[in-house]
Protein backbone atom coordinates (compact mmCIF):
# COMPACT_ATOMS: atom_id res chain seq x y z
CA MET A 1 21.48 -12.22 -8.31
CA SER A 2 18.08 -9.95 -8.06
CA LEU A 3 15.15 -11.08 -10.68
CA TYR A 4 14.46 -7.48 -11.71
CA ARG A 5 17.60 -5.82 -10.60
CA ASN A 6 17.92 -4.69 -14.33
CA GLN A 7 14.78 -4.96 -15.71
CA LEU A 8 11.46 -3.80 -12.87
CA PRO A 9 8.25 -4.72 -13.82
CA GLN A 10 6.71 -1.70 -13.30
CA LEU A 11 8.95 0.15 -16.29
CA SER A 12 7.39 -2.25 -18.99
CA SER A 13 4.43 -1.20 -20.95
CA GLY A 14 1.93 -3.11 -18.54
CA LEU A 15 -0.88 -1.86 -16.32
CA PHE A 16 -0.05 -1.20 -12.52
CA VAL A 17 -2.45 -0.10 -9.96
CA THR A 18 -0.95 2.20 -7.17
CA ASP A 19 -2.37 2.69 -3.83
CA GLY A 20 -3.86 6.41 -3.00
CA GLY A 21 -1.94 7.81 -0.67
CA LEU A 22 -2.08 5.63 3.14
CA GLU A 23 -1.78 8.28 5.71
CA THR A 24 -4.20 10.62 4.18
CA ASP A 25 -7.19 7.86 3.69
CA LEU A 26 -6.10 6.08 7.36
CA ILE A 27 -7.07 9.90 8.92
CA PHE A 28 -10.07 10.77 6.70
CA HIS A 29 -11.23 7.90 5.99
CA HIS A 30 -11.01 5.79 8.93
CA GLY A 31 -10.57 8.40 12.04
CA CYS A 32 -7.28 7.35 13.09
CA SER A 33 -4.93 10.07 14.72
CA LEU A 34 -0.85 9.57 13.41
CA PRO A 35 1.59 11.70 15.05
CA GLU A 36 3.06 13.71 12.29
CA ASN A 37 1.02 11.85 9.51
CA ALA A 38 3.65 8.62 10.64
CA SER A 39 1.96 5.15 9.61
CA TYR A 40 4.45 3.13 11.04
CA VAL A 41 2.95 3.62 14.42
CA LEU A 42 0.76 1.10 13.05
CA LEU A 43 3.10 -1.57 13.32
CA ASP A 44 3.25 -1.50 16.99
CA ASP A 45 0.02 -3.35 17.69
CA GLU A 46 -2.15 -5.66 16.04
CA ALA A 47 -5.66 -3.05 15.69
CA GLY A 48 -2.63 -0.99 13.85
CA LEU A 49 -1.39 -4.12 11.58
CA THR A 50 -4.81 -5.40 10.64
CA LEU A 51 -5.68 -1.56 9.46
CA LEU A 52 -3.08 -1.68 7.42
CA LYS A 53 -4.00 -5.76 5.91
CA ARG A 54 -7.12 -3.86 5.09
CA TYR A 55 -5.97 -0.90 3.49
CA PHE A 56 -3.17 -2.89 1.06
CA GLU A 57 -5.75 -5.55 1.00
CA ASP A 58 -8.54 -3.40 -0.94
CA TYR A 59 -5.77 -2.30 -3.87
CA LEU A 60 -4.60 -5.81 -3.94
CA ALA A 61 -8.11 -6.82 -4.96
CA ILE A 62 -8.20 -4.05 -7.56
CA ALA A 63 -5.32 -5.33 -9.24
CA ASP A 64 -6.52 -8.65 -8.95
CA ALA A 65 -10.00 -7.82 -10.68
CA TYR A 66 -8.04 -6.15 -13.59
CA GLY A 67 -5.03 -8.62 -14.22
CA CYS A 68 -2.65 -5.31 -13.31
CA GLY A 69 0.48 -5.95 -11.42
CA ILE A 70 0.80 -3.58 -8.07
CA VAL A 71 2.92 -0.73 -6.66
CA LEU A 72 2.83 -0.42 -3.11
CA GLU A 73 3.92 2.63 -0.82
CA SER A 74 5.06 1.92 2.77
CA ALA A 75 4.19 2.59 6.18
CA THR A 76 6.43 5.42 7.31
């Protein structure tokens, strides 16, 4: 049985960081060309995977620095 099936951590009174708009950040801050704003195309090659990893690692570092949980979106 799932550990959090009946009590999701993000529904507690704890603080959580969430990322700030994957596609928007990649398009306007990193110059990515995403067809139809679809970030899943970045999963097709090493350069795209590196860019996604760096994006998420930045938010993980913020959550770690403040001792918060984190909720991340997926590349869609």
